[in-house]
Amino acid sequence: MRKSRNWLVITGLTIALISGIYFIVPKQDQIDIVEEIEIDSSFFHLPTLYYGYAIDSFEVVEGRVKWNQNLSEILSKYNISFKDIHTLAQNAKDVYDVRKLKAGSNYSLILNRDSLRTARQFIFEPSPSEYVVYNLTDSIFARLEKKPINVAERTLAAEIESSLYNSLMDLGASPLLVHRMVDVFAWQVDFFRIAKGDKFKLVFEEETVDGEVIGIRNIKGAYFEHWGKSYYAIPFETEEKLDFFDEAGNSLRKTLLKAPLDFTRISSRFSLRRFHPVQKRYKAHLGTDYAAPRGTPIRTVGDGVVLEAKYHGGNGNYVKIKHNSNYTTQYLHMSKIAKGVRPGVTVKQGQTIGYVGSTGLANGPHLCYRFWKNGRQVDALKVDIPSSSGIAKEELQQFKVVADSIRSVLDNIEFEDPGSMLAKIPSKQVDNP
């Protein structure tokens, strides 16, 4: 009995002693007794990925499709039989037809790293934003993949020294933006008469894939100062579609375009007395000549019906279009008339109706553009063309709110030095549209 009591006493003292030590020793000392272990990061080697394939043990060959080159010519050099190539062509029809390999497009091959260098995958890029993987091992198949499109909102502001194109290129912008801007202000700005000191501001969304600009998604607001006159372009979606309006709600889209060609030189203007370069005598020149490379597409400046489309004497190949009861236009000296353009056919504004040439009385490739107003030939560069419909009354209040906001953004963009005029707002990733 005494031994049992002594044992209980000894046990109690032991527990008390241990508890005392626990409360005396700081808790942080209890935690810090974990031993640090250094881990060799090379043990966790990550494979090199190429279009999703680990290629550390394989060889990669890159190239571009040559003119008239087909898939057989590319793959036969890498130990792929004509039978397998035929099977691949059949299995890939619903994904991407291998007969449509476009010259100049990029392709890649993943090969076995041995003496035969047998192709395992053929990867073709039909566009900058997508690629097709043709699998050549085990089961033969094809799949289409889309690359993520990066969208960045940007602002630009510049005073033009020589041309709109040069100004935008100096800012590091894409040529795609030039054409979009011309489309926005095609009815207000004569881009053949850009003056030194003209100014512009832009807010837009630019699409890139792998650092390459592939498109301009939206023009979110624009300003152009041309020959001392200011123009705002406010995008607004009406019941019909998204269009551009001035700050008062008037449409920027007129009934006719300013010019039938993009970015060419005016070689001769409308004149009642001009020395004809072929006939070598003075006579009236009732049109505007645009010098341009042979084959440059000619667009109709507005919707209308084709009155004439034929070859005739000094006019060469020409097309004449009636737009409405007031306006008629004519396009002379074409190398050829576009397919389907014939008398009685309806054409849409901007549609290609022919190509620049030098047929008829012409000493070089150019377009002679003629303009009739109320049945009388006039100088196309001096015609004041009325606007199309503006914002409806019931939408005007909402438009004013949008317009004030966009104008505020544009007005706060400063004209800076060319080296610092390109501003980029952090981009956001989006899926392919």
Protein backbone atom coordinates (compact mmCIF):
# COMPACT_ATOMS: atom_id res chain seq x y z
CA MET A 1 0.00 0.00 0.00
CA ARG A 2 2.87 2.31 0.92
CA LYS A 3 4.69 1.41 -2.31
CA SER A 4 1.61 2.29 -4.31
CA ARG A 5 1.32 5.65 -2.53
CA ASN A 6 4.99 6.41 -3.09
CA TRP A 7 4.58 5.67 -6.80
CA LEU A 8 1.71 8.08 -7.08
CA VAL A 9 3.74 10.82 -5.38
CA ILE A 10 6.71 10.26 -7.70
CA THR A 11 4.42 10.33 -10.77
CA GLY A 12 2.77 13.58 -9.66
CA LEU A 13 6.14 15.29 -9.10
CA THR A 14 7.32 14.21 -12.55
CA ILE A 15 4.22 15.65 -14.25
CA ALA A 16 4.60 18.91 -12.32
CA LEU A 17 8.26 19.21 -13.30
CA ILE A 18 7.52 18.67 -17.00
CA SER A 19 4.65 21.16 -16.91
CA GLY A 20 6.88 23.76 -15.32
CA ILE A 21 9.50 23.37 -17.99
CA TYR A 22 6.81 23.75 -20.70
CA PHE A 23 5.58 27.07 -19.30
CA ILE A 24 9.09 28.41 -18.62
CA VAL A 25 10.60 27.71 -22.07
CA PRO A 26 9.38 30.26 -24.70
CA LYS A 27 7.11 28.79 -27.34
CA GLN A 28 9.20 30.21 -30.19
CA ASP A 29 12.12 28.03 -29.06
CA GLN A 30 9.90 25.02 -29.35
CA ILE A 31 9.02 25.91 -32.93
CA ASP A 32 12.52 26.78 -34.14
CA ILE A 33 13.98 23.36 -33.50
CA VAL A 34 12.92 22.24 -37.03
CA GLU A 35 16.04 21.56 -39.11
CA GLU A 36 16.38 23.46 -42.40
CA ILE A 37 16.89 21.25 -45.46
CA GLU A 38 18.33 22.66 -48.70
CA ILE A 39 16.56 21.33 -51.83
CA ASP A 40 18.39 20.99 -55.14
CA SER A 41 16.15 22.88 -57.66
CA SER A 42 17.73 21.04 -60.60
CA PHE A 43 15.93 17.93 -59.40
CA PHE A 44 12.65 19.56 -60.50
CA HIS A 45 13.59 20.29 -64.15
CA LEU A 46 10.63 21.65 -66.14
CA PRO A 47 10.39 20.43 -69.75
CA THR A 48 10.63 22.87 -72.67
CA LEU A 49 7.17 23.18 -74.22
CA TYR A 50 6.55 23.98 -77.89
CA TYR A 51 2.88 24.31 -78.90
CA GLY A 52 2.14 22.19 -75.82
CA TYR A 53 4.65 19.41 -76.65
CA ALA A 54 7.72 18.62 -74.50
CA ILE A 55 10.58 18.84 -77.02
CA ASP A 56 13.74 18.32 -74.92
CA SER A 57 14.31 14.92 -76.54
CA PHE A 58 13.24 15.98 -80.02
CA GLU A 59 14.36 18.26 -82.86
CA VAL A 60 12.33 21.24 -84.09
CA VAL A 61 12.41 22.51 -87.68
CA GLU A 62 10.67 25.77 -88.65
CA GLY A 63 9.92 27.12 -92.10
CA ARG A 64 7.49 28.91 -94.41
CA VAL A 65 5.31 27.40 -97.09
CA LYS A 66 6.76 28.12 -100.53
CA TRP A 67 4.76 29.04 -103.61
CA ASN A 68 2.95 25.94 -104.97
CA GLN A 69 4.42 23.78 -102.17
CA ASN A 70 2.15 21.04 -100.82
CA LEU A 71 2.11 18.88 -97.71
CA SER A 72 3.62 15.84 -99.47
CA GLU A 73 6.66 17.85 -100.51
CA ILE A 74 7.22 19.00 -96.92
CA LEU A 75 6.61 15.70 -95.09
CA SER A 76 8.19 13.23 -97.51
CA LYS A 77 11.64 14.55 -96.52
CA TYR A 78 10.99 13.46 -92.93
CA ASN A 79 10.22 9.76 -93.38
CA ILE A 80 6.42 10.11 -93.73
CA SER A 81 4.94 7.78 -96.34
CA PHE A 82 2.53 8.98 -99.04
CA LYS A 83 -0.03 6.58 -97.55
CA ASP A 84 0.15 8.33 -94.16
CA ILE A 85 0.04 11.74 -95.84
CA HIS A 86 -3.12 10.68 -97.69
CA THR A 87 -4.63 9.40 -94.42
CA LEU A 88 -3.78 12.70 -92.72
CA ALA A 89 -5.38 14.70 -95.54
CA GLN A 90 -8.58 12.64 -95.23
CA ASN A 91 -8.73 12.85 -91.42
CA ALA A 92 -8.02 16.59 -91.38
CA LYS A 93 -10.69 17.72 -93.86
CA ASP A 94 -13.13 18.88 -91.17
CA VAL A 95 -10.38 20.71 -89.24
CA TYR A 96 -8.26 22.38 -91.93
CA ASP A 97 -7.87 21.17 -95.51
CA VAL A 98 -4.15 20.55 -96.13
CA ARG A 99 -4.67 21.48 -99.77
CA LYS A 100 -5.10 25.09 -98.63
CA LEU A 101 -1.59 25.60 -97.30
CA LYS A 102 -1.02 29.28 -98.01
CA ALA A 103 2.33 30.41 -99.40
CA GLY A 104 4.25 32.46 -96.85
CA SER A 105 2.52 30.88 -93.83
CA ASN A 106 4.66 29.56 -90.98
CA TYR A 107 4.97 25.87 -90.18
CA SER A 108 6.94 23.73 -87.73
CA LEU A 109 7.96 20.08 -87.50
CA ILE A 110 8.78 18.12 -84.35
CA LEU A 111 11.19 15.29 -85.31
CA ASN A 112 12.74 12.26 -83.66
CA ARG A 113 16.35 13.03 -82.79
CA ASP A 114 17.93 10.17 -84.72
CA SER A 115 19.33 9.42 -88.16
CA LEU A 116 15.87 9.05 -89.76
CA ARG A 117 14.50 12.32 -88.29
CA THR A 118 10.94 11.04 -88.57
CA ALA A 119 8.28 13.71 -88.18
CA ARG A 120 6.02 13.34 -85.16
CA GLN A 121 3.92 16.50 -85.49
CA PHE A 122 3.41 19.02 -88.28
CA ILE A 123 2.16 22.42 -87.03
CA PHE A 124 0.74 24.96 -89.49
CA GLU A 125 -0.34 28.56 -88.80
CA PRO A 126 -3.17 29.60 -91.15
CA SER A 127 -3.36 32.94 -89.31
CA PRO A 128 -1.44 34.74 -86.53
CA SER A 129 -4.15 33.86 -83.99
CA GLU A 130 -4.55 30.12 -84.65
CA TYR A 131 -2.59 27.00 -85.54
CA VAL A 132 -3.34 23.45 -86.63
CA VAL A 133 -1.53 20.45 -85.14
CA TYR A 134 -1.31 17.42 -87.44
CA ASN A 135 -0.31 14.38 -85.36
CA LEU A 136 1.74 11.79 -87.26
CA THR A 137 2.42 9.20 -84.55
CA ASP A 138 0.11 6.40 -83.40
CA SER A 139 -3.32 7.69 -84.48
CA ILE A 140 -3.18 10.25 -87.30
CA PHE A 141 -5.39 13.27 -86.65
CA ALA A 142 -5.55 17.07 -86.71
CA ARG A 143 -6.82 19.66 -84.28
CA LEU A 144 -7.27 23.44 -84.51
CA GLU A 145 -6.01 25.57 -81.62
CA LYS A 146 -6.51 29.27 -80.98
CA LYS A 147 -3.89 31.51 -79.39
CA PRO A 148 -4.91 33.97 -76.65
CA ILE A 149 -5.43 37.48 -77.99
CA ASN A 150 -4.00 40.28 -75.89
CA VAL A 151 -6.04 43.51 -75.94
CA ALA A 152 -4.41 46.77 -74.92
CA GLU A 153 -6.16 50.14 -74.78
CA ARG A 154 -3.89 52.85 -76.15
CA THR A 155 -3.89 56.58 -76.67
CA LEU A 156 -2.07 58.48 -79.42
CA ALA A 157 -1.63 62.18 -80.07
CA ALA A 158 0.49 63.87 -82.72
CA GLU A 159 0.97 66.95 -84.81
CA ILE A 160 1.52 65.86 -88.41
CA GLU A 161 4.81 66.82 -90.07
CA SER A 162 4.35 65.14 -93.47
CA SER A 163 1.55 62.56 -93.57
CA LEU A 164 -0.81 60.68 -91.30
CA TYR A 165 0.89 57.40 -92.21
CA ASN A 166 4.37 58.64 -91.28
CA SER A 167 3.13 60.16 -88.04
CA LEU A 168 1.51 56.92 -86.92
CA MET A 169 4.54 54.86 -87.96
CA ASP A 170 6.81 57.20 -85.98
CA LEU A 171 4.67 56.42 -82.94
CA GLY A 172 5.15 52.68 -83.42
CA ALA A 173 1.52 52.12 -84.43
CA SER A 174 0.32 49.46 -86.86
CA PRO A 175 -0.53 50.31 -90.50
CA LEU A 176 -3.92 48.75 -89.71
CA LEU A 177 -4.67 51.81 -87.58
CA VAL A 178 -4.07 54.14 -90.53
CA HIS A 179 -6.87 52.53 -92.55
CA ARG A 180 -9.25 52.50 -89.59
CA MET A 181 -8.68 56.19 -88.99
CA VAL A 182 -9.19 56.99 -92.67
CA ASP A 183 -12.50 55.11 -92.51
CA VAL A 184 -13.64 57.14 -89.48
CA PHE A 185 -12.87 60.57 -90.99
CA ALA A 186 -13.26 59.70 -94.68
CA TRP A 187 -16.12 62.22 -95.02
CA GLN A 188 -14.51 65.14 -93.16
CA VAL A 189 -10.78 65.00 -93.90
CA ASP A 190 -9.19 65.09 -97.34
CA PHE A 191 -6.25 62.76 -96.71
CA PHE A 192 -4.70 63.80 -100.03
CA ARG A 193 -4.40 67.36 -98.72
CA ILE A 194 -3.04 66.78 -95.22
CA ALA A 195 -1.24 69.96 -94.12
CA LYS A 196 1.77 70.29 -91.86
CA GLY A 197 0.34 71.22 -88.48
CA ASP A 198 -2.80 69.08 -88.76
CA LYS A 199 -3.32 67.18 -85.50
CA PHE A 200 -5.02 64.03 -84.28
CA LYS A 201 -5.82 62.18 -81.06
CA LEU A 202 -6.97 58.60 -80.69
CA VAL A 203 -8.20 56.16 -78.05
CA PHE A 204 -8.34 52.62 -79.40
CA GLU A 205 -8.03 48.92 -78.57
CA GLU A 206 -5.18 47.03 -80.23
CA GLU A 207 -5.10 43.23 -80.58
CA THR A 208 -1.78 41.39 -80.41
CA VAL A 209 -0.72 37.75 -80.51
CA ASP A 210 2.83 36.86 -79.46
CA GLY A 211 3.70 40.56 -79.60
CA GLU A 212 2.46 40.98 -83.19
CA VAL A 213 -0.40 43.39 -83.92
CA ILE A 214 -3.17 41.47 -85.68
CA GLY A 215 -6.02 43.96 -85.56
CA ILE A 216 -7.66 47.09 -84.22
CA ARG A 217 -10.69 46.06 -82.22
CA ASN A 218 -12.37 49.37 -81.43
CA ILE A 219 -11.83 53.07 -82.00
CA LYS A 220 -13.13 54.39 -78.67
CA GLY A 221 -12.81 58.05 -79.58
CA ALA A 222 -10.95 60.24 -82.06
CA TYR A 223 -10.16 63.87 -82.80
CA PHE A 224 -8.75 65.43 -85.98
CA GLU A 225 -7.78 69.03 -86.61
CA HIS A 226 -7.62 69.61 -90.38
CA TRP A 227 -6.84 73.00 -91.95
CA GLY A 228 -7.75 74.70 -88.67
CA LYS A 229 -11.11 72.96 -88.30
CA SER A 230 -11.74 70.48 -85.48
CA TYR A 231 -13.63 67.18 -85.79
CA TYR A 232 -14.60 64.77 -83.02
CA ALA A 233 -15.56 61.14 -83.68
CA ILE A 234 -17.82 59.67 -81.00
CA PRO A 235 -18.71 55.98 -81.35
CA PHE A 236 -22.32 55.23 -80.43
CA GLU A 237 -24.50 52.19 -81.01
CA THR A 238 -27.92 53.00 -82.40
CA GLU A 239 -30.72 50.59 -83.25
CA GLU A 240 -29.06 49.98 -86.62
CA LYS A 241 -25.33 49.56 -85.76
CA LEU A 242 -22.28 51.12 -84.16
CA ASP A 243 -21.35 54.31 -86.00
CA PHE A 244 -19.43 57.55 -85.48
CA PHE A 245 -20.99 60.95 -84.77
CA ASP A 246 -19.78 64.45 -84.02
CA GLU A 247 -20.27 65.96 -80.57
CA ALA A 248 -23.72 67.27 -81.54
CA GLY A 249 -24.96 63.85 -82.69
CA ASN A 250 -24.62 64.36 -86.44
CA SER A 251 -23.38 61.35 -88.38
CA LEU A 252 -19.81 61.52 -89.69
CA ARG A 253 -20.80 59.17 -92.49
CA LYS A 254 -21.68 61.20 -95.53
CA THR A 255 -23.44 59.89 -98.58
CA LEU A 256 -20.18 59.71 -100.56
CA LEU A 257 -16.51 59.12 -99.77
CA LYS A 258 -14.01 61.92 -100.33
CA ALA A 259 -11.85 59.85 -102.71
CA PRO A 260 -11.99 56.52 -104.60
CA LEU A 261 -8.43 55.48 -103.65
CA ASP A 262 -6.34 55.20 -100.49
CA PHE A 263 -3.08 57.11 -100.04
CA THR A 264 -2.13 58.04 -103.57
CA ARG A 265 -0.96 61.28 -105.13
CA ILE A 266 -3.15 63.77 -106.98
CA SER A 267 -1.31 64.24 -110.26
CA SER A 268 -3.79 66.61 -111.92
CA ARG A 269 -6.77 68.57 -110.68
CA PHE A 270 -10.06 69.71 -112.18
CA SER A 271 -9.32 72.53 -114.65
CA LEU A 272 -10.99 74.32 -117.55
CA ARG A 273 -7.59 74.70 -119.23
CA ARG A 274 -4.91 72.04 -118.83
CA PHE A 275 -2.12 70.91 -121.15
CA HIS A 276 -2.97 67.33 -122.12
CA PRO A 277 0.14 65.11 -121.69
CA VAL A 278 -0.81 62.80 -124.60
CA GLN A 279 -2.59 65.13 -127.07
CA LYS A 280 -0.05 67.92 -126.38
CA ARG A 281 -2.62 70.71 -126.39
CA TYR A 282 -4.62 72.75 -123.89
CA LYS A 283 -8.13 71.55 -123.13
CA ALA A 284 -10.55 71.27 -120.23
CA HIS A 285 -9.82 68.52 -117.69
CA LEU A 286 -13.12 67.87 -115.94
CA GLY A 287 -11.84 65.39 -113.41
CA THR A 288 -9.25 64.66 -110.72
CA ASP A 289 -6.29 62.40 -111.56
CA TYR A 290 -4.93 60.10 -108.85
CA ALA A 291 -1.53 58.57 -109.65
CA ALA A 292 -1.28 55.05 -108.25
CA PRO A 293 0.45 51.74 -109.04
CA ARG A 294 -1.13 49.59 -111.72
CA GLY A 295 -3.63 47.17 -110.19
CA THR A 296 -4.52 49.35 -107.18
CA PRO A 297 -8.19 48.64 -106.27
CA ILE A 298 -10.64 51.44 -107.13
CA ARG A 299 -13.64 51.78 -104.84
CA THR A 300 -16.98 53.34 -105.53
CA VAL A 301 -17.45 56.40 -103.35
CA GLY A 302 -21.07 55.55 -102.56
CA ASP A 303 -23.99 53.19 -103.01
CA GLY A 304 -25.49 53.31 -106.46
CA VAL A 305 -26.41 51.66 -109.75
CA VAL A 306 -23.88 51.08 -112.53
CA LEU A 307 -24.87 53.06 -115.65
CA GLU A 308 -21.89 52.09 -117.86
CA ALA A 309 -18.99 49.65 -117.57
CA LYS A 310 -16.99 49.26 -120.78
CA TYR A 311 -14.03 50.30 -122.93
CA HIS A 312 -14.44 53.49 -124.96
CA GLY A 313 -11.86 55.60 -126.83
CA GLY A 314 -9.86 58.00 -124.72
CA ASN A 315 -11.58 56.89 -121.51
CA GLY A 316 -10.22 53.36 -121.79
CA ASN A 317 -11.92 50.94 -119.42
CA TYR A 318 -14.31 52.92 -117.25
CA VAL A 319 -17.29 52.63 -114.92
CA LYS A 320 -20.01 55.22 -114.40
CA ILE A 321 -22.30 55.06 -111.34
CA LYS A 322 -25.51 56.94 -110.48
CA HIS A 323 -25.75 57.39 -106.69
CA ASN A 324 -29.00 59.29 -106.42
CA SER A 325 -30.93 62.01 -108.24
CA ASN A 326 -28.13 64.52 -107.51
CA TYR A 327 -24.82 62.68 -107.79
CA THR A 328 -23.08 60.58 -110.47
CA THR A 329 -19.41 59.52 -110.56
CA GLN A 330 -17.13 58.07 -113.25
CA TYR A 331 -13.81 56.17 -113.02
CA LEU A 332 -11.54 56.12 -116.11
CA HIS A 333 -8.40 54.39 -117.51
CA MET A 334 -8.84 51.15 -115.54
CA SER A 335 -6.53 48.23 -116.31
CA LYS A 336 -9.65 46.11 -115.95
CA ILE A 337 -13.19 46.33 -114.61
CA ALA A 338 -13.94 44.23 -111.52
CA LYS A 339 -15.80 40.97 -112.01
CA GLY A 340 -19.58 41.33 -111.86
CA VAL A 341 -19.58 45.11 -112.41
CA ARG A 342 -21.89 45.74 -115.37
CA PRO A 343 -24.79 48.08 -116.28
CA GLY A 344 -27.79 47.72 -113.97
CA VAL A 345 -25.85 46.17 -111.08
CA THR A 346 -26.18 47.75 -107.61
CA VAL A 347 -22.89 48.51 -105.86
CA LYS A 348 -22.13 49.37 -102.24
CA GLN A 349 -19.99 52.19 -100.91
CA GLY A 350 -16.34 51.11 -100.75
CA GLN A 351 -16.84 48.16 -103.11
CA THR A 352 -14.00 47.49 -105.56
CA ILE A 353 -15.26 48.26 -109.07
CA GLY A 354 -11.99 48.11 -111.01
CA TYR A 355 -8.21 48.49 -110.91
CA VAL A 356 -5.85 51.34 -111.75
CA GLY A 357 -4.36 51.19 -115.25
CA SER A 358 -3.45 53.34 -118.24
CA THR A 359 -5.97 52.35 -120.91
CA GLY A 360 -7.22 55.01 -123.32
CA LEU A 361 -5.45 58.37 -123.54
CA ALA A 362 -3.04 57.99 -120.61
CA ASN A 363 0.73 58.15 -120.37
CA GLY A 364 0.98 56.24 -117.08
CA PRO A 365 -1.12 54.35 -114.51
CA HIS A 366 -3.64 56.60 -112.83
CA LEU A 367 -7.35 57.05 -112.18
CA CYS A 368 -9.30 59.96 -113.63
CA TYR A 369 -12.23 60.53 -111.24
CA ARG A 370 -15.17 62.56 -112.54
CA PHE A 371 -18.10 63.93 -110.59
CA TRP A 372 -21.56 65.17 -111.65
CA LYS A 373 -23.85 67.22 -109.43
CA ASN A 374 -27.35 67.86 -110.72
CA GLY A 375 -26.25 66.81 -114.21
CA ARG A 376 -23.23 69.15 -114.39
CA GLN A 377 -19.58 68.11 -114.10
CA VAL A 378 -17.98 69.78 -111.07
CA ASP A 379 -14.76 69.62 -109.08
CA ALA A 380 -15.15 66.62 -106.76
CA LEU A 381 -12.76 68.15 -104.23
CA LYS A 382 -15.03 71.18 -103.75
CA VAL A 383 -18.39 69.45 -103.42
CA ASP A 384 -20.10 69.91 -100.03
CA ILE A 385 -21.73 66.52 -99.51
CA PRO A 386 -24.56 66.32 -96.93
CA SER A 387 -24.39 63.99 -93.94
CA SER A 388 -26.54 60.93 -93.40
CA SER A 389 -29.01 60.70 -90.50
CA GLY A 390 -27.82 61.52 -86.98
CA ILE A 391 -28.84 60.44 -83.48
CA ALA A 392 -32.59 60.01 -82.98
CA LYS A 393 -34.24 62.45 -80.56
CA GLU A 394 -35.13 59.73 -78.06
CA GLU A 395 -31.44 58.68 -77.85
CA LEU A 396 -29.90 62.14 -77.87
CA GLN A 397 -29.75 62.57 -74.08
CA GLN A 398 -27.94 59.25 -73.63
CA PHE A 399 -25.60 60.14 -76.48
CA LYS A 400 -24.72 63.47 -74.88
CA VAL A 401 -23.57 61.69 -71.73
CA VAL A 402 -21.34 59.36 -73.77
CA ALA A 403 -20.04 62.20 -75.94
CA ASP A 404 -19.13 64.41 -72.96
CA SER A 405 -17.19 61.54 -71.39
CA ILE A 406 -15.22 60.74 -74.57
CA ARG A 407 -14.52 64.41 -75.30
CA SER A 408 -13.14 64.81 -71.79
CA VAL A 409 -10.74 61.92 -72.34
CA LEU A 410 -9.61 63.24 -75.72
CA ASP A 411 -9.20 66.82 -74.50
CA ASN A 412 -6.93 65.63 -71.68
CA ILE A 413 -4.53 63.81 -74.02
CA GLU A 414 -1.45 65.98 -74.43
CA PHE A 415 0.57 66.43 -77.60
CA GLU A 416 4.04 65.30 -76.61
CA ASP A 417 7.38 64.54 -78.21
CA PRO A 418 7.29 61.69 -80.78
CA GLY A 419 9.38 59.44 -78.51
CA SER A 420 6.83 59.56 -75.70
CA MET A 421 3.52 59.96 -77.48
CA LEU A 422 2.53 56.28 -77.37
CA ALA A 423 0.83 55.52 -74.06
CA LYS A 424 -0.27 52.01 -73.14
CA ILE A 425 -2.86 51.11 -70.52
CA PRO A 426 -2.25 47.65 -68.91
CA SER A 427 -3.66 44.98 -71.19
CA LYS A 428 -6.22 42.32 -70.42
CA GLN A 429 -6.39 38.80 -71.81
CA VAL A 430 -9.46 37.80 -73.80
CA ASP A 431 -10.55 34.81 -75.80
CA ASN A 432 -10.63 34.84 -79.57
CA PRO A 433 -13.78 36.62 -80.77
